[in-house]
């Protein structure tokens, strides 16, 4: 697996964990024993591993290991204002009888005492267990998995697609079922937190007194979400591949333009972006290339899973033009969703891909959504429909791409579609498939009858839609050379801490045959 990674400047690199460092045999024998220097330091508060552990962005020879020291997670973390050494281990067994990599990372106050270990020297396609220790306290044990060998063409990749987890709308009960399904990776495509103010009528109330704007406020909001037990368990059992959408910062923001520029001046909003991106990095299992630079963060990247699948992870927020407000505006060729550099990066990655399946992780829906029943069109301008020319260029490109499949979030609905060469022509060629995953909890337990009354009349104007549903849950994919078998997994409620899961539908994408079918 290779990443499209830029260079990291020395002054930023000094804050990153030395994940590849391996201690010698003499040091390894004492790694989990307190030494005199440690004993002399002021003891850390109890409960430093309250936010659990996580892993992410697997490579054939490595994976990112994450934790954050936070004994008082909803009140700034509660750590002393100093760097803290954190020991880490990676083993081939859950009881750590065969430790294969180990080292020490620095949890620094500048980054909220988060730890990002880029553990390398691992074997491809293997399951590993990992843990951390500091101040005599042990973290929970995490399980992770490396990507297959770069030249492996067979096998199966199980991917769980998740998005949109609003703490106030309910518990994150779909993760309990996801854990049972044991995916190789979890692809999270945005809205990990919500920036909304606390609501007295919510299922679970947001911390704080209003929306987050400062770094401390965003840290507290992320910490609250990290305390959800089902989310924490899933993070500890499979590597996540993450990207953000709008609610990690501000609803419907575009680049450095907030939703309400009359209320958030440019300087104030760039300060908010700076805080939000740093808190995002601090709480996600991502590599050094994602260390923010002020109001900028590099999140688009590429992961390889042998010759079976290439995963292109997009950033559809940071480089986009401001949203259109009319149909004519949405067809302006100057509008961009990805920006020139990311657009060319994606085109190059699709054209040169050696993979059987070319997966695109897009935060927002690519297939058309015509909201107007009957003649005419009415689009969501925040989605790809609002950037028609650039979207249509990619659909044209898909005709030459081997097995393109787009994996999306944002809508709080399951919306599974054929991707058409030209959505203005219902008879145009099918060039790919898109799975818009439903939300983990956002929109809560929806009224299904009301949803049908609103959306079913639109089906005739959107013949490319194959499945439309409003239950909470996630999508599960088994990727093989001959096809992708997909399940829409749903739960009966998010209003309680436990739920009953089920399979709403099964679908399949055949290799060499664009589009998706119910089975």
Protein backbone atom coordinates (compact mmCIF):
# COMPACT_ATOMS: atom_id res chain seq x y z
CA UNK A 1 0.00 0.00 0.00
CA UNK A 2 1.32 3.43 -0.88
CA UNK A 3 0.10 6.83 0.20
CA UNK A 4 0.09 10.07 -1.78
CA UNK A 5 2.08 11.82 0.91
CA UNK A 6 3.83 15.17 0.90
CA UNK A 7 6.96 16.03 2.83
CA UNK A 8 6.70 16.99 6.49
CA UNK A 9 8.77 19.97 7.60
CA UNK A 10 11.33 19.37 10.40
CA UNK A 11 9.61 21.75 12.81
CA UNK A 12 6.33 19.85 12.45
CA UNK A 13 8.01 16.45 12.48
CA UNK A 14 9.51 17.04 15.93
CA UNK A 15 6.02 16.84 17.43
CA UNK A 16 5.24 13.48 15.82
CA UNK A 17 5.70 10.14 17.45
CA UNK A 18 8.74 8.12 16.55
CA UNK A 19 6.63 5.11 15.69
CA UNK A 20 9.27 3.26 13.74
CA UNK A 21 11.78 3.35 16.57
CA UNK A 22 12.52 -0.05 18.06
CA UNK A 23 14.28 -0.45 21.37
CA UNK A 24 17.13 -2.89 21.79
CA UNK A 25 17.01 -6.20 23.57
CA UNK A 26 18.31 -4.81 26.87
CA UNK A 27 15.77 -2.00 26.94
CA UNK A 28 12.96 -4.28 25.79
CA UNK A 29 13.39 -6.49 28.83
CA UNK A 30 12.62 -3.48 31.05
CA UNK A 31 10.08 -1.72 28.82
CA UNK A 32 7.08 -2.35 31.04
CA UNK A 33 8.92 -1.85 34.33
CA UNK A 34 9.08 1.54 36.10
CA UNK A 35 12.54 3.05 36.22
CA UNK A 36 14.02 5.57 38.61
CA UNK A 37 13.46 8.55 36.32
CA UNK A 38 9.80 7.67 35.89
CA UNK A 39 9.31 7.07 39.58
CA UNK A 40 10.77 10.49 40.37
CA UNK A 41 8.22 12.31 38.22
CA UNK A 42 4.93 13.57 39.59
CA UNK A 43 2.46 10.67 39.24
CA UNK A 44 -0.15 11.00 36.51
CA UNK A 45 -3.82 11.13 37.42
CA UNK A 46 -5.72 7.86 37.23
CA UNK A 47 -7.62 6.99 34.08
CA UNK A 48 -5.26 8.42 31.47
CA UNK A 49 -6.54 5.96 28.85
CA UNK A 50 -10.20 6.97 29.23
CA UNK A 51 -10.54 7.52 25.45
CA UNK A 52 -9.33 4.05 24.54
CA UNK A 53 -7.14 3.07 21.61
CA UNK A 54 -7.47 3.01 17.85
CA UNK A 55 -5.59 2.16 14.66
CA UNK A 56 -5.82 3.37 11.09
CA UNK A 57 -4.55 3.66 7.52
CA UNK A 58 -3.10 0.14 7.21
CA UNK A 59 -0.11 -0.48 4.95
CA UNK A 60 1.38 -3.85 4.00
CA UNK A 61 4.17 -3.27 6.53
CA UNK A 62 2.57 -0.98 9.09
CA UNK A 63 -0.37 0.78 10.67
CA UNK A 64 -1.01 3.90 12.73
CA UNK A 65 -1.65 3.28 16.44
CA UNK A 66 -3.48 5.97 18.42
CA UNK A 67 -4.38 6.96 21.92
CA UNK A 68 -4.83 10.21 23.83
CA UNK A 69 -4.05 10.67 27.51
CA UNK A 70 -7.11 12.28 29.08
CA UNK A 71 -8.01 11.45 32.68
CA UNK A 72 -10.59 14.27 32.64
CA UNK A 73 -11.69 14.06 29.00
CA UNK A 74 -14.61 16.52 28.99
CA UNK A 75 -12.66 19.25 30.79
CA UNK A 76 -9.56 19.74 28.68
CA UNK A 77 -8.07 16.32 29.31
CA UNK A 78 -6.71 16.83 32.82
CA UNK A 79 -3.05 16.17 32.00
CA UNK A 80 -0.06 18.10 33.40
CA UNK A 81 1.45 20.66 31.05
CA UNK A 82 4.47 18.59 30.05
CA UNK A 83 5.44 15.92 27.57
CA UNK A 84 4.80 12.38 28.79
CA UNK A 85 6.63 9.31 27.43
CA UNK A 86 4.25 6.56 26.38
CA UNK A 87 5.49 3.04 25.74
CA UNK A 88 3.86 0.94 23.06
CA UNK A 89 3.95 -2.69 21.99
CA UNK A 90 2.73 -4.66 18.96
CA UNK A 91 2.34 -8.43 19.28
CA UNK A 92 1.24 -11.38 17.21
CA UNK A 93 -1.04 -12.62 19.98
CA UNK A 94 -3.59 -11.06 22.31
CA UNK A 95 -1.60 -12.03 25.43
CA UNK A 96 1.59 -10.37 24.14
CA UNK A 97 3.71 -13.49 24.38
CA UNK A 98 5.28 -12.68 21.01
CA UNK A 99 5.98 -8.96 20.87
CA UNK A 100 7.33 -7.97 17.45
CA UNK A 101 7.64 -4.17 17.71
CA UNK A 102 7.94 -1.77 20.61
CA UNK A 103 9.04 1.75 21.35
CA UNK A 104 8.37 4.99 23.19
CA UNK A 105 6.40 7.96 21.88
CA UNK A 106 5.96 11.42 23.38
CA UNK A 107 2.46 12.60 24.30
CA UNK A 108 2.86 16.37 24.05
CA UNK A 109 0.56 19.06 25.45
CA UNK A 110 0.80 20.94 22.11
CA UNK A 111 -1.26 18.09 20.60
CA UNK A 112 -3.57 17.39 23.50
CA UNK A 113 -1.32 14.55 24.73
CA UNK A 114 -2.37 12.49 21.74
CA UNK A 115 -0.11 9.70 20.50
CA UNK A 116 0.26 8.67 16.86
CA UNK A 117 2.63 5.74 16.37
CA UNK A 118 3.41 4.81 12.78
CA UNK A 119 4.38 1.22 13.56
CA UNK A 120 6.39 -0.27 10.70
CA UNK A 121 8.26 -3.53 10.05
CA UNK A 122 5.09 -5.61 10.23
CA UNK A 123 4.07 -8.41 7.87
CA UNK A 124 1.37 -7.96 5.21
CA UNK A 125 -2.13 -9.28 5.66
CA UNK A 126 -1.66 -10.09 9.35
CA UNK A 127 -3.66 -9.47 12.51
CA UNK A 128 -1.77 -7.81 15.38
CA UNK A 129 -2.54 -6.67 18.90
CA UNK A 130 -1.20 -3.49 20.48
CA UNK A 131 -1.25 -1.57 23.75
CA UNK A 132 0.23 1.47 25.49
CA UNK A 133 1.59 2.16 28.95
CA UNK A 134 2.54 5.27 30.89
CA UNK A 135 2.86 6.17 34.57
CA UNK A 136 2.20 2.58 35.58
CA UNK A 137 -1.14 2.52 33.74
CA UNK A 138 -1.97 0.11 30.92
CA UNK A 139 -4.29 0.94 28.03
CA UNK A 140 -6.95 -1.41 26.73
CA UNK A 141 -5.64 -3.87 24.17
CA UNK A 142 -6.37 -3.05 20.55
CA UNK A 143 -6.49 -5.32 17.53
CA UNK A 144 -5.52 -4.24 14.04
CA UNK A 145 -4.61 -5.65 10.65
CA UNK A 146 -2.10 -4.75 7.96
CA UNK A 147 -2.95 -4.49 4.26
CA UNK A 148 -2.20 -7.39 1.92
CA UNK A 149 1.04 -7.76 0.02
CA UNK A 150 1.16 -5.19 -2.82
CA UNK A 151 1.17 -7.88 -5.51
CA UNK A 152 -1.58 -10.06 -4.07
CA UNK A 153 -4.50 -10.16 -6.50
CA UNK A 154 -6.97 -12.46 -4.74
CA UNK A 155 -8.52 -12.73 -1.34
CA UNK A 156 -11.37 -10.76 0.19
CA UNK A 157 -11.52 -7.30 1.69
CA UNK A 158 -14.39 -6.65 4.13
CA UNK A 159 -15.18 -2.93 4.41
CA UNK A 160 -17.69 -1.26 6.72
CA UNK A 161 -18.92 2.17 5.54
CA UNK A 162 -19.99 4.57 8.27
CA UNK A 163 -20.80 8.27 8.62
CA UNK A 164 -22.83 10.88 10.47
CA UNK A 165 -22.91 10.10 14.18
CA UNK A 166 -24.79 12.81 16.04
CA UNK A 167 -24.41 12.32 19.80
CA UNK A 168 -27.64 14.17 20.54
CA UNK A 169 -29.72 12.10 18.12
CA UNK A 170 -28.95 8.77 19.74
CA UNK A 171 -26.57 6.06 20.81
CA UNK A 172 -24.08 4.64 18.32
CA UNK A 173 -25.72 1.20 18.41
CA UNK A 174 -24.84 0.19 14.80
CA UNK A 175 -21.21 -0.22 15.89
CA UNK A 176 -22.16 -3.15 18.14
CA UNK A 177 -23.36 -5.08 15.09
CA UNK A 178 -20.38 -3.88 13.04
CA UNK A 179 -18.09 -5.36 15.67
CA UNK A 180 -19.80 -8.74 15.24
CA UNK A 181 -19.34 -8.54 11.46
CA UNK A 182 -15.55 -8.17 11.92
CA UNK A 183 -14.58 -5.87 9.02
CA UNK A 184 -10.97 -5.58 7.84
CA UNK A 185 -11.31 -1.79 7.77
CA UNK A 186 -13.92 0.80 8.74
CA UNK A 187 -14.24 3.61 6.21
CA UNK A 188 -15.64 6.69 7.95
CA UNK A 189 -16.56 9.41 5.44
CA UNK A 190 -17.51 12.35 7.61
CA UNK A 191 -19.44 13.99 10.43
CA UNK A 192 -17.59 12.19 13.21
CA UNK A 193 -18.79 14.92 15.59
CA UNK A 194 -21.48 17.58 15.33
CA UNK A 195 -20.77 21.18 16.21
CA UNK A 196 -24.32 21.95 17.32
CA UNK A 197 -25.06 23.47 20.73
CA UNK A 198 -26.48 21.33 23.54
CA UNK A 199 -30.20 20.58 23.37
CA UNK A 200 -32.33 19.95 26.44
CA UNK A 201 -34.59 17.60 24.45
CA UNK A 202 -31.82 15.45 22.96
CA UNK A 203 -31.44 11.72 23.55
CA UNK A 204 -27.92 12.53 24.83
CA UNK A 205 -26.90 16.11 25.51
CA UNK A 206 -23.79 17.69 24.01
CA UNK A 207 -21.19 18.86 26.51
CA UNK A 208 -20.46 22.57 26.88
CA UNK A 209 -22.73 25.58 26.60
CA UNK A 210 -22.75 26.26 22.86
CA UNK A 211 -21.03 25.45 19.60
CA UNK A 212 -17.28 24.79 19.74
CA UNK A 213 -15.00 27.50 18.40
CA UNK A 214 -11.75 27.15 20.35
CA UNK A 215 -9.31 24.25 20.46
CA UNK A 216 -10.31 23.42 24.03
CA UNK A 217 -13.98 23.29 23.04
CA UNK A 218 -13.36 21.04 20.05
CA UNK A 219 -11.18 18.76 22.18
CA UNK A 220 -13.99 18.37 24.68
CA UNK A 221 -16.52 17.61 21.96
CA UNK A 222 -14.32 14.92 20.39
CA UNK A 223 -13.59 13.46 23.80
CA UNK A 224 -17.30 13.16 24.52
CA UNK A 225 -17.89 11.26 21.29
CA UNK A 226 -14.94 8.99 22.00
CA UNK A 227 -16.61 7.87 25.24
CA UNK A 228 -19.43 6.11 23.40
CA UNK A 229 -18.84 2.44 24.31
CA UNK A 230 -19.74 0.93 20.94
CA UNK A 231 -17.59 3.41 19.02
CA UNK A 232 -14.69 2.79 21.40
CA UNK A 233 -14.99 -0.98 20.99
CA UNK A 234 -15.04 -0.74 17.21
CA UNK A 235 -11.99 1.53 17.17
CA UNK A 236 -10.16 -1.04 19.30
CA UNK A 237 -10.94 -3.93 16.97
CA UNK A 238 -10.30 -2.76 13.39
CA UNK A 239 -8.32 -0.03 11.64
CA UNK A 240 -10.29 3.04 10.56
CA UNK A 241 -9.73 5.05 7.38
CA UNK A 242 -11.22 8.48 8.06
CA UNK A 243 -11.99 11.75 6.36
CA UNK A 244 -14.08 14.72 7.48
CA UNK A 245 -17.15 16.50 6.12
CA UNK A 246 -18.72 19.73 7.34
CA UNK A 247 -19.90 19.13 10.91
CA UNK A 248 -16.39 18.55 12.17
CA UNK A 249 -16.11 22.32 11.68
CA UNK A 250 -19.30 24.17 10.68
CA UNK A 251 -22.38 23.10 8.74
CA UNK A 252 -22.00 23.42 4.94
CA UNK A 253 -18.72 25.35 5.07
CA UNK A 254 -16.76 25.63 1.81
CA UNK A 255 -13.01 26.17 1.99
CA UNK A 256 -12.58 29.21 4.25
CA UNK A 257 -16.19 30.34 3.83
CA UNK A 258 -18.55 29.55 6.74
CA UNK A 259 -22.24 28.83 6.41
CA UNK A 260 -23.00 32.28 7.83
CA UNK A 261 -20.22 34.71 6.77
CA UNK A 262 -22.23 37.66 8.10
CA UNK A 263 -21.82 36.17 11.60
CA UNK A 264 -18.35 34.64 11.25
CA UNK A 265 -15.79 37.09 9.79
CA UNK A 266 -12.95 35.55 7.80
CA UNK A 267 -10.30 35.87 10.52
CA UNK A 268 -12.61 34.38 13.12
CA UNK A 269 -13.51 31.49 10.85
CA UNK A 270 -9.92 30.67 9.94
CA UNK A 271 -9.20 30.58 13.68
CA UNK A 272 -12.11 28.16 14.04
CA UNK A 273 -10.76 26.02 11.17
CA UNK A 274 -7.34 25.96 12.84
CA UNK A 275 -8.83 24.73 16.11
CA UNK A 276 -11.14 22.20 14.46
CA UNK A 277 -8.46 20.66 12.25
CA UNK A 278 -6.00 20.33 15.12
CA UNK A 279 -8.61 18.64 17.33
CA UNK A 280 -9.50 16.36 14.41
CA UNK A 281 -5.88 15.29 14.00
CA UNK A 282 -5.49 14.78 17.74
CA UNK A 283 -8.38 12.32 17.85
CA UNK A 284 -7.92 10.37 14.60
CA UNK A 285 -5.52 7.48 13.80
CA UNK A 286 -3.82 9.24 10.89
CA UNK A 287 -0.21 9.75 9.77
CA UNK A 288 2.15 12.69 9.98
CA UNK A 289 0.94 14.09 6.66
CA UNK A 290 -2.28 15.06 8.44
CA UNK A 291 -0.58 17.32 11.00
CA UNK A 292 -2.40 20.62 10.40
CA UNK A 293 -0.71 23.77 9.21
CA UNK A 294 -2.94 26.47 10.66
CA UNK A 295 -6.31 26.42 8.86
CA UNK A 296 -5.13 23.70 6.45
CA UNK A 297 -4.91 19.93 6.77
CA UNK A 298 -3.93 17.30 4.19
CA UNK A 299 -6.50 14.50 4.23
CA UNK A 300 -6.88 13.24 0.67
CA UNK A 301 -4.75 10.17 0.22
CA UNK A 302 -4.63 6.75 -1.39
CA UNK A 303 -4.47 3.30 0.16
CA UNK A 304 -3.82 0.03 -1.65
CA UNK A 305 -5.15 -3.39 -0.73
CA UNK A 306 -2.99 -5.54 -2.94
CA UNK A 307 -4.13 -5.64 -6.54
CA UNK A 308 -7.68 -6.20 -5.34
CA UNK A 309 -8.68 -2.64 -4.44
CA UNK A 310 -7.36 0.92 -4.56
CA UNK A 311 -9.07 3.32 -2.15
CA UNK A 312 -9.00 7.03 -3.03
CA UNK A 313 -10.01 9.09 0.00
CA UNK A 314 -11.27 12.56 -0.95
CA UNK A 315 -11.51 15.91 0.79
CA UNK A 316 -14.63 17.59 -0.60
CA UNK A 317 -14.66 20.52 1.87
CA UNK A 318 -11.33 22.25 2.01
CA UNK A 319 -10.72 23.08 -1.65
CA UNK A 320 -14.25 23.59 -2.99
CA UNK A 321 -15.79 26.72 -4.42
CA UNK A 322 -18.61 28.31 -2.49
CA UNK A 323 -21.92 26.55 -3.12
CA UNK A 324 -24.14 27.66 -5.97
CA UNK A 325 -27.58 29.03 -5.23
CA UNK A 326 -29.29 28.29 -8.56
CA UNK A 327 -29.35 25.73 -11.35
CA UNK A 328 -27.42 28.05 -13.62
CA UNK A 329 -24.82 28.56 -10.91
CA UNK A 330 -24.47 24.81 -10.40
CA UNK A 331 -23.54 24.48 -14.08
CA UNK A 332 -20.80 27.10 -13.94
CA UNK A 333 -17.62 25.41 -15.27
CA UNK A 334 -15.47 27.48 -12.91
CA UNK A 335 -16.87 25.75 -9.83
CA UNK A 336 -14.72 23.02 -8.31
CA UNK A 337 -15.37 20.49 -5.59
CA UNK A 338 -11.83 19.15 -5.29
CA UNK A 339 -9.54 21.97 -6.39
CA UNK A 340 -7.09 21.64 -9.26
CA UNK A 341 -4.38 19.66 -7.46
CA UNK A 342 -6.68 17.10 -5.83
CA UNK A 343 -8.68 16.72 -9.03
CA UNK A 344 -5.56 15.87 -11.03
CA UNK A 345 -4.39 13.54 -8.26
CA UNK A 346 -7.67 11.62 -8.44
CA UNK A 347 -7.66 11.47 -12.25
CA UNK A 348 -4.09 10.18 -12.27
CA UNK A 349 -4.89 7.60 -9.63
CA UNK A 350 -7.89 6.30 -11.56
CA UNK A 351 -6.12 6.21 -14.92
CA UNK A 352 -2.98 4.45 -13.65
CA UNK A 353 -4.58 2.07 -11.19
CA UNK A 354 -3.45 -1.57 -11.28
CA UNK A 355 -6.33 -2.59 -9.03
CA UNK A 356 -9.33 -4.71 -9.85
CA UNK A 357 -11.63 -2.31 -7.98
CA UNK A 358 -11.26 1.45 -7.83
CA UNK A 359 -13.04 2.75 -4.76
CA UNK A 360 -13.65 6.47 -4.20
CA UNK A 361 -14.50 7.67 -0.68
CA UNK A 362 -16.56 10.84 -1.20
CA UNK A 363 -18.14 12.70 1.69
CA UNK A 364 -21.08 13.88 -0.41
CA UNK A 365 -23.35 12.20 -2.98
CA UNK A 366 -22.17 11.97 -6.58
CA UNK A 367 -25.33 10.57 -8.22
CA UNK A 368 -28.08 13.04 -9.05
CA UNK A 369 -30.84 13.81 -6.58
CA UNK A 370 -33.73 15.50 -8.38
CA UNK A 371 -36.01 16.76 -5.62
CA UNK A 372 -38.63 18.22 -7.97
CA UNK A 373 -41.47 15.86 -8.85
CA UNK A 374 -42.30 16.11 -12.55
CA UNK A 375 -40.73 18.48 -15.07
CA UNK A 376 -37.58 20.38 -14.22
CA UNK A 377 -34.78 19.81 -11.74
CA UNK A 378 -34.12 20.78 -8.13
CA UNK A 379 -30.75 19.83 -6.66
CA UNK A 380 -28.86 19.81 -3.36
CA UNK A 381 -26.22 22.42 -4.15
CA UNK A 382 -23.91 21.24 -1.36
CA UNK A 383 -23.56 17.82 -3.03
CA UNK A 384 -21.90 16.98 -6.38
CA UNK A 385 -25.13 18.13 -8.07
CA UNK A 386 -24.02 21.67 -7.21
CA UNK A 387 -20.77 21.16 -9.15
CA UNK A 388 -22.20 19.72 -12.34
CA UNK A 389 -19.34 20.26 -14.79
CA UNK A 390 -16.63 18.76 -12.60
CA UNK A 391 -18.91 15.87 -11.56
CA UNK A 392 -19.73 15.10 -15.20
CA UNK A 393 -16.04 15.08 -16.09
CA UNK A 394 -15.48 12.31 -13.56
CA UNK A 395 -18.48 10.36 -14.81
CA UNK A 396 -17.05 10.56 -18.32
CA UNK A 397 -13.69 9.39 -16.98
CA UNK A 398 -15.35 6.44 -15.23
CA UNK A 399 -16.07 4.90 -18.64
CA UNK A 400 -12.33 4.16 -18.92
CA UNK A 401 -11.80 3.10 -15.28
CA UNK A 402 -11.86 -0.50 -14.14
CA UNK A 403 -14.81 -1.13 -11.80
CA UNK A 404 -15.33 2.29 -10.16
CA UNK A 405 -17.45 2.32 -6.99
CA UNK A 406 -18.15 5.47 -4.96
CA UNK A 407 -18.69 5.17 -1.19
CA UNK A 408 -20.45 8.15 0.37
CA UNK A 409 -22.10 9.56 3.48
CA UNK A 410 -23.78 12.88 4.39
CA UNK A 411 -27.43 12.15 3.55
CA UNK A 412 -28.52 10.26 6.69
CA UNK A 413 -30.20 7.89 4.23
CA UNK A 414 -29.33 4.75 2.34
CA UNK A 415 -29.30 5.88 -1.31
CA UNK A 416 -27.81 3.29 -3.66
CA UNK A 417 -27.57 4.26 -7.32
CA UNK A 418 -26.19 3.54 -10.72
CA UNK A 419 -23.84 6.28 -11.84
CA UNK A 420 -24.86 7.52 -15.28
CA UNK A 421 -22.75 9.11 -17.97
CA UNK A 422 -25.38 11.84 -18.28
CA UNK A 423 -28.13 12.18 -15.68
CA UNK A 424 -30.02 14.48 -18.04
CA UNK A 425 -30.50 11.44 -20.32
CA UNK A 426 -32.10 8.44 -18.53
CA UNK A 427 -30.96 6.21 -21.41
CA UNK A 428 -27.28 7.14 -21.09
CA UNK A 429 -24.70 4.52 -20.18
CA UNK A 430 -24.16 3.28 -16.65
CA UNK A 431 -20.52 3.96 -15.73
CA UNK A 432 -20.31 2.91 -12.08
CA UNK A 433 -22.11 2.41 -8.77
CA UNK A 434 -22.55 4.53 -5.66
CA UNK A 435 -23.44 3.49 -2.12
CA UNK A 436 -24.58 6.37 0.06
CA UNK A 437 -24.43 4.89 3.53
CA UNK A 438 -27.05 5.79 6.07
CA UNK A 439 -26.09 7.49 9.32
CA UNK A 440 -24.92 5.87 12.52
CA UNK A 441 -27.33 8.01 14.57
CA UNK A 442 -28.08 11.31 12.80
CA UNK A 443 -31.83 11.93 12.34
CA UNK A 444 -32.51 9.41 15.11
CA UNK A 445 -35.31 6.88 14.76
CA UNK A 446 -37.02 8.31 11.71
CA UNK A 447 -40.73 8.05 10.94
CA UNK A 448 -40.59 5.57 8.07
CA UNK A 449 -44.10 6.31 6.79
CA UNK A 450 -43.38 10.04 6.65
CA UNK A 451 -40.12 9.32 4.84
CA UNK A 452 -41.93 7.25 2.21
CA UNK A 453 -44.55 9.92 1.67
CA UNK A 454 -41.82 12.48 1.05
CA UNK A 455 -39.39 10.45 -1.06
CA UNK A 456 -41.33 7.80 -2.98
CA UNK A 457 -42.95 10.36 -5.34
CA UNK A 458 -39.41 11.32 -6.46
CA UNK A 459 -38.46 7.81 -7.57
CA UNK A 460 -39.80 8.29 -11.10
CA UNK A 461 -37.58 11.34 -11.57
CA UNK A 462 -34.54 9.43 -10.32
CA UNK A 463 -34.64 6.07 -12.14
CA UNK A 464 -30.97 5.46 -11.30
CA UNK A 465 -31.86 4.96 -7.62
CA UNK A 466 -31.82 1.26 -6.76
CA UNK A 467 -32.56 1.45 -3.04
CA UNK A 468 -33.79 4.20 -0.74
CA UNK A 469 -34.24 3.81 3.03
CA UNK A 470 -34.18 5.87 6.24
CA UNK A 471 -33.14 3.41 8.97
CA UNK A 472 -29.96 3.97 10.96
CA UNK A 473 -27.01 1.68 10.37
CA UNK A 474 -24.09 1.18 8.00
CA UNK A 475 -23.11 -0.68 4.83
CA UNK A 476 -20.92 -3.79 4.71
CA UNK A 477 -18.96 -4.86 1.62
CA UNK A 478 -17.16 -8.08 0.78
CA UNK A 479 -14.82 -7.18 -2.07
CA UNK A 480 -13.63 -10.07 -4.25
CA UNK A 481 -12.16 -10.24 -7.73
CA UNK A 482 -15.45 -11.32 -9.31
CA UNK A 483 -17.69 -8.83 -7.51
CA UNK A 484 -18.67 -6.85 -4.46
CA UNK A 485 -21.38 -8.27 -2.23
CA UNK A 486 -22.99 -5.52 -0.18
CA UNK A 487 -25.29 -5.58 2.82
CA UNK A 488 -27.34 -2.73 4.23
CA UNK A 489 -27.18 -3.37 7.97
CA UNK A 490 -29.72 -1.52 10.11
CA UNK A 491 -30.77 -1.31 13.76
CA UNK A 492 -34.25 -0.97 15.22
CA UNK A 493 -33.34 2.00 17.44
CA UNK A 494 -30.66 4.45 18.47
CA UNK A 495 -32.70 5.88 21.32
CA UNK A 496 -31.46 3.20 23.72
CA UNK A 497 -27.95 1.89 24.42
CA UNK A 498 -28.74 -1.49 22.85
CA UNK A 499 -30.51 -2.39 19.62
CA UNK A 500 -31.52 -5.30 17.42
CA UNK A 501 -29.66 -5.44 14.08
CA UNK A 502 -30.81 -6.92 10.79
CA UNK A 503 -30.01 -6.99 7.09
CA UNK A 504 -32.33 -4.66 5.17
CA UNK A 505 -31.03 -5.60 1.72
CA UNK A 506 -28.29 -7.39 -0.19
CA UNK A 507 -26.84 -6.01 -3.39
CA UNK A 508 -24.08 -6.95 -5.81
CA UNK A 509 -21.73 -5.19 -8.18
CA UNK A 510 -20.33 -7.55 -10.82
CA UNK A 511 -16.76 -7.02 -11.98
CA UNK A 512 -16.76 -5.70 -15.53
CA UNK A 513 -20.44 -4.74 -15.40
CA UNK A 514 -21.03 -1.15 -14.21
CA UNK A 515 -23.92 -0.57 -11.85
CA UNK A 516 -25.48 -2.32 -8.88
CA UNK A 517 -28.33 -4.80 -8.51
CA UNK A 518 -30.49 -6.02 -5.63
CA UNK A 519 -30.14 -9.75 -4.99
